[in-house]
Structure formats: C-alpha cells, structure tokens
Amino acid sequence: MGSNYLRKIPRQYFEAYNNFFLNDSLLTEGLSTRIDGQIDEQPLCLSKEELLFPKKAQTIDKETKLIVNHGNYLQGVRVEVCMNESSPCQFKESFPAGYTTVCRQKYIARKLVVVTTADGSDSQTPLSTSDFLFPSCCVCKTRNIGR
C-alpha cells in the first residue's frame, strides 16, 4: 500500500496532531552530550544511532498500524541500536571476579499518529495515536555467577 491512503484524509484532521509532526535529530559526530563534557569516556556496549521514519509497525498491543509519515507529515524517531546485543560488555576483564557481563537493548514507548482504518476512509476519526516500542539505548548488565 502506497501513500494514497493519506490523500483520502481531509487536512483538517491533521491539525489536531501538528505537535507530533516533529523530527528527532541525530547529534553530529564528536559533539559531547555529557553535561561535564568528558570526551575521553568509552561505552561498555557499542551502539549505532539512526533516524527512522516508520510507515508501518507493530504497537505495544501487538497490532500492526499504518503510521503517518509522508510529505509534510513526518514523524522522525531517533533510535539507538546495540551493535553486539547478548555479547559480553567491553572491558569485561575490569569487572570483579565472579561477575559476568552482557550487552542488552533497552526500549522506549513512543506515541505516533496512525491511520485508524486501512484505507483512510473512516471520515469520523481517520487519525489517532498509538504507542510503539523503539530501541533507545544499549546497556551493560552484570550478574553475579558466584565463585
């Protein structure tokens, strides 16, 4: 299904959702996001940032929905994906004896504007919002395995 479903929805229905049509942004390489400005810090788990413009996805309730992402109505979502999920964290030899480490993907719920019917023909409520899970960061978890 192409972007034709959006053309069937009158523009007036989009106005209530104008604050959703903003894009996240990626920081330029080398720009520190730390308050203290520490640039020599190293992550324990490697990750990659991307800016996505999803058109179809599964909600947190496991329903597949068409997401409004076309023309002037864009909803960019910044994601951070683990590059080595389920692998040991970097510098694992620095952790105390008896501990194991693993990189894990964390997720965040994000509300996006969706089409309420598959063809956009429901003139009563052609748009609504739904919650979706997106990768938010990669964390290092430790576990005591005893001695």
C-alpha atoms as a PDB file:
ATOM      1  CA  MET A   1       0.000   0.000   0.000  1.00  0.00           C
ATOM      2  CA  GLY A   2       1.433   3.380  -1.008  1.00  0.00           C
ATOM      3  CA  SER A   3       0.877   6.866   0.345  1.00  0.00           C
ATOM      4  CA  ASN A   4      -2.546   7.129  -1.324  1.00  0.00           C
ATOM      5  CA  TYR A   5      -4.316   6.325   1.946  1.00  0.00           C
ATOM      6  CA  LEU A   6      -3.191   9.715   3.357  1.00  0.00           C
ATOM      7  CA  ARG A   7      -4.554  11.657   0.403  1.00  0.00           C
ATOM      8  CA  LYS A   8      -8.080  10.475   1.252  1.00  0.00           C
ATOM      9  CA  ILE A   9      -7.956  12.121   4.684  1.00  0.00           C
ATOM     10  CA  PRO A  10      -9.001  15.804   4.755  1.00  0.00           C
ATOM     11  CA  ARG A  11      -6.227  18.135   6.028  1.00  0.00           C
ATOM     12  CA  GLN A  12      -8.396  19.385   8.898  1.00  0.00           C
ATOM     13  CA  TYR A  13      -7.903  16.070  10.701  1.00  0.00           C
ATOM     14  CA  PHE A  14      -4.135  16.558  10.771  1.00  0.00           C
ATOM     15  CA  GLU A  15      -4.340  19.891  12.637  1.00  0.00           C
ATOM     16  CA  ALA A  16      -5.093  18.258  15.997  1.00  0.00           C
ATOM     17  CA  TYR A  17      -1.817  16.312  15.676  1.00  0.00           C
ATOM     18  CA  ASN A  18       0.530  19.090  14.485  1.00  0.00           C
ATOM     19  CA  ASN A  19       2.755  18.756  17.568  1.00  0.00           C
ATOM     20  CA  PHE A  20       3.513  15.141  16.572  1.00  0.00           C
ATOM     21  CA  PHE A  21       4.972  16.080  13.205  1.00  0.00           C
ATOM     22  CA  LEU A  22       8.396  16.971  14.536  1.00  0.00           C
ATOM     23  CA  ASN A  23      11.583  15.064  13.924  1.00  0.00           C
ATOM     24  CA  ASP A  24      14.102  13.837  16.412  1.00  0.00           C
ATOM     25  CA  SER A  25      17.627  14.627  15.353  1.00  0.00           C
ATOM     26  CA  LEU A  26      20.999  12.967  15.473  1.00  0.00           C
ATOM     27  CA  LEU A  27      23.914  14.788  17.038  1.00  0.00           C
ATOM     28  CA  THR A  28      26.866  15.452  14.795  1.00  0.00           C
ATOM     29  CA  GLU A  29      29.867  13.207  15.300  1.00  0.00           C
ATOM     30  CA  GLY A  30      32.174  14.352  18.080  1.00  0.00           C
ATOM     31  CA  LEU A  31      29.604  16.531  19.849  1.00  0.00           C
ATOM     32  CA  SER A  32      29.585  15.581  23.527  1.00  0.00           C
ATOM     33  CA  THR A  33      26.195  15.132  25.123  1.00  0.00           C
ATOM     34  CA  ARG A  34      27.606  14.857  28.620  1.00  0.00           C
ATOM     35  CA  ILE A  35      26.971  17.749  30.973  1.00  0.00           C
ATOM     36  CA  ASP A  36      30.506  17.592  32.306  1.00  0.00           C
ATOM     37  CA  GLY A  37      31.979  17.481  28.803  1.00  0.00           C
ATOM     38  CA  GLN A  38      34.031  14.300  29.316  1.00  0.00           C
ATOM     39  CA  ILE A  39      35.115  13.292  25.824  1.00  0.00           C
ATOM     40  CA  ASP A  40      37.515  10.506  26.848  1.00  0.00           C
ATOM     41  CA  GLU A  41      34.729   8.231  28.128  1.00  0.00           C
ATOM     42  CA  GLN A  42      34.203   4.880  26.406  1.00  0.00           C
ATOM     43  CA  PRO A  43      30.919   2.961  26.216  1.00  0.00           C
ATOM     44  CA  LEU A  44      30.768  -0.527  27.665  1.00  0.00           C
ATOM     45  CA  CYS A  45      28.460  -1.588  24.841  1.00  0.00           C
ATOM     46  CA  LEU A  46      28.726  -0.307  21.283  1.00  0.00           C
ATOM     47  CA  SER A  47      25.633   1.124  19.649  1.00  0.00           C
ATOM     48  CA  LYS A  48      24.548   2.881  16.479  1.00  0.00           C
ATOM     49  CA  GLU A  49      22.176   5.844  16.236  1.00  0.00           C
ATOM     50  CA  GLU A  50      19.686   6.141  13.389  1.00  0.00           C
ATOM     51  CA  LEU A  51      16.791   8.382  12.466  1.00  0.00           C
ATOM     52  CA  LEU A  52      13.787   6.340  11.313  1.00  0.00           C
ATOM     53  CA  PHE A  53      10.579   7.399   9.583  1.00  0.00           C
ATOM     54  CA  PRO A  54       8.429   4.281  10.075  1.00  0.00           C
ATOM     55  CA  LYS A  55       5.401   3.806   7.840  1.00  0.00           C
ATOM     56  CA  LYS A  56       4.082   0.593   9.359  1.00  0.00           C
ATOM     57  CA  ALA A  57       4.861  -1.051  12.687  1.00  0.00           C
ATOM     58  CA  GLN A  58       3.509  -3.188  15.491  1.00  0.00           C
ATOM     59  CA  THR A  59       2.084  -1.331  18.510  1.00  0.00           C
ATOM     60  CA  ILE A  60       2.835  -2.288  22.100  1.00  0.00           C
ATOM     61  CA  ASP A  61      -0.532  -4.093  21.944  1.00  0.00           C
ATOM     62  CA  LYS A  62       0.763  -6.225  19.033  1.00  0.00           C
ATOM     63  CA  GLU A  63      -1.468  -4.565  16.404  1.00  0.00           C
ATOM     64  CA  THR A  64       0.020  -3.628  13.041  1.00  0.00           C
ATOM     65  CA  LYS A  65      -0.746   0.021  12.254  1.00  0.00           C
ATOM     66  CA  LEU A  66      -0.074   2.400   9.372  1.00  0.00           C
ATOM     67  CA  ILE A  67       1.958   5.340  10.658  1.00  0.00           C
ATOM     68  CA  VAL A  68       1.572   8.809   9.156  1.00  0.00           C
ATOM     69  CA  ASN A  69       4.964   9.589   7.565  1.00  0.00           C
ATOM     70  CA  HIS A  70       4.501  11.320   4.227  1.00  0.00           C
ATOM     71  CA  GLY A  71       5.057  14.760   2.704  1.00  0.00           C
ATOM     72  CA  ASN A  72       4.654  17.495   5.325  1.00  0.00           C
ATOM     73  CA  TYR A  73       3.544  14.988   7.943  1.00  0.00           C
ATOM     74  CA  LEU A  74       6.757  13.358   9.100  1.00  0.00           C
ATOM     75  CA  GLN A  75       7.472  11.738  12.452  1.00  0.00           C
ATOM     76  CA  GLY A  76      11.181  11.050  12.746  1.00  0.00           C
ATOM     77  CA  VAL A  77      12.230   8.772  15.587  1.00  0.00           C
ATOM     78  CA  ARG A  78      15.806   8.621  16.882  1.00  0.00           C
ATOM     79  CA  VAL A  79      16.814   5.084  17.820  1.00  0.00           C
ATOM     80  CA  GLU A  80      19.971   3.652  19.332  1.00  0.00           C
ATOM     81  CA  VAL A  81      20.592   0.011  18.490  1.00  0.00           C
ATOM     82  CA  CYS A  82      23.046  -2.355  20.213  1.00  0.00           C
ATOM     83  CA  MET A  83      25.700  -3.492  17.784  1.00  0.00           C
ATOM     84  CA  ASN A  84      26.572  -6.610  19.812  1.00  0.00           C
ATOM     85  CA  GLU A  85      23.492  -7.419  21.875  1.00  0.00           C
ATOM     86  CA  SER A  86      23.869 -10.506  24.091  1.00  0.00           C
ATOM     87  CA  SER A  87      27.666 -10.267  23.820  1.00  0.00           C
ATOM     88  CA  PRO A  88      29.927  -9.529  26.779  1.00  0.00           C
ATOM     89  CA  CYS A  89      30.490  -5.855  27.519  1.00  0.00           C
ATOM     90  CA  GLN A  90      33.785  -4.224  26.597  1.00  0.00           C
ATOM     91  CA  PHE A  91      36.480  -4.215  29.298  1.00  0.00           C
ATOM     92  CA  LYS A  92      34.917  -7.311  30.888  1.00  0.00           C
ATOM     93  CA  GLU A  93      38.281  -8.135  32.456  1.00  0.00           C
ATOM     94  CA  SER A  94      37.912  -4.978  34.581  1.00  0.00           C
ATOM     95  CA  PHE A  95      34.879  -6.315  36.417  1.00  0.00           C
ATOM     96  CA  PRO A  96      35.324  -8.157  39.732  1.00  0.00           C
ATOM     97  CA  ALA A  97      35.872 -11.904  39.730  1.00  0.00           C
ATOM     98  CA  GLY A  98      32.638 -13.851  39.896  1.00  0.00           C
ATOM     99  CA  TYR A  99      30.718 -11.437  37.661  1.00  0.00           C
ATOM    100  CA  THR A 100      29.701 -11.839  34.048  1.00  0.00           C
ATOM    101  CA  THR A 101      28.568  -9.034  31.741  1.00  0.00           C
ATOM    102  CA  VAL A 102      26.200  -8.797  28.803  1.00  0.00           C
ATOM    103  CA  CYS A 103      25.018  -6.007  26.485  1.00  0.00           C
ATOM    104  CA  ARG A 104      21.246  -5.575  26.409  1.00  0.00           C
ATOM    105  CA  GLN A 105      18.958  -3.485  24.213  1.00  0.00           C
ATOM    106  CA  LYS A 106      16.552  -1.177  26.053  1.00  0.00           C
ATOM    107  CA  TYR A 107      13.336   0.188  24.542  1.00  0.00           C
ATOM    108  CA  ILE A 108      11.139   3.239  24.980  1.00  0.00           C
ATOM    109  CA  ALA A 109       7.459   3.702  24.152  1.00  0.00           C
ATOM    110  CA  ARG A 110       6.789   6.452  21.632  1.00  0.00           C
ATOM    111  CA  LYS A 111       3.347   7.768  20.670  1.00  0.00           C
ATOM    112  CA  LEU A 112       2.859   8.295  16.914  1.00  0.00           C
ATOM    113  CA  VAL A 113      -0.047   9.385  14.723  1.00  0.00           C
ATOM    114  CA  VAL A 114      -1.634   6.469  12.871  1.00  0.00           C
ATOM    115  CA  VAL A 115      -4.406   5.908  10.354  1.00  0.00           C
ATOM    116  CA  THR A 116      -7.400   4.303  12.070  1.00  0.00           C
ATOM    117  CA  THR A 117      -8.592   2.346   9.005  1.00  0.00           C
ATOM    118  CA  ALA A 118      -6.538   0.526   6.395  1.00  0.00           C
ATOM    119  CA  ASP A 119      -7.700   2.776   3.560  1.00  0.00           C
ATOM    120  CA  GLY A 120      -8.194   6.042   5.499  1.00  0.00           C
ATOM    121  CA  SER A 121     -11.883   6.090   4.601  1.00  0.00           C
ATOM    122  CA  ASP A 122     -13.302   6.474   8.124  1.00  0.00           C
ATOM    123  CA  SER A 123     -14.294  10.136   7.959  1.00  0.00           C
ATOM    124  CA  GLN A 124     -15.313  10.249  11.642  1.00  0.00           C
ATOM    125  CA  THR A 125     -11.888   9.577  13.112  1.00  0.00           C
ATOM    126  CA  PRO A 126      -9.366   8.872  10.341  1.00  0.00           C
ATOM    127  CA  LEU A 127      -6.381   9.544  12.638  1.00  0.00           C
ATOM    128  CA  SER A 128      -5.466   8.616  16.181  1.00  0.00           C
ATOM    129  CA  THR A 129      -2.320   7.863  18.170  1.00  0.00           C
ATOM    130  CA  SER A 130      -0.758   4.568  19.216  1.00  0.00           C
ATOM    131  CA  ASP A 131       2.260   3.601  21.282  1.00  0.00           C
ATOM    132  CA  PHE A 132       5.198   1.813  19.662  1.00  0.00           C
ATOM    133  CA  LEU A 133       8.415   0.438  21.128  1.00  0.00           C
ATOM    134  CA  PHE A 134      11.707   1.699  19.717  1.00  0.00           C
ATOM    135  CA  PRO A 135      15.291   0.835  20.667  1.00  0.00           C
ATOM    136  CA  SER A 136      16.501   3.609  22.992  1.00  0.00           C
ATOM    137  CA  CYS A 137      19.939   2.598  24.244  1.00  0.00           C
ATOM    138  CA  CYS A 138      22.336  -0.258  24.841  1.00  0.00           C
ATOM    139  CA  VAL A 139      23.310  -1.028  28.424  1.00  0.00           C
ATOM    140  CA  CYS A 140      25.823  -3.276  30.129  1.00  0.00           C
ATOM    141  CA  LYS A 141      24.277  -5.620  32.693  1.00  0.00           C
ATOM    142  CA  THR A 142      26.243  -7.562  35.283  1.00  0.00           C
ATOM    143  CA  ARG A 143      25.336 -10.779  37.009  1.00  0.00           C
ATOM    144  CA  ASN A 144      26.991 -12.465  39.991  1.00  0.00           C
ATOM    145  CA  ILE A 145      27.824 -16.017  38.965  1.00  0.00           C
ATOM    146  CA  GLY A 146      29.455 -16.864  42.295  1.00  0.00           C
ATOM    147  CA  ARG A 147      32.857 -18.342  42.799  1.00  0.00           C
END
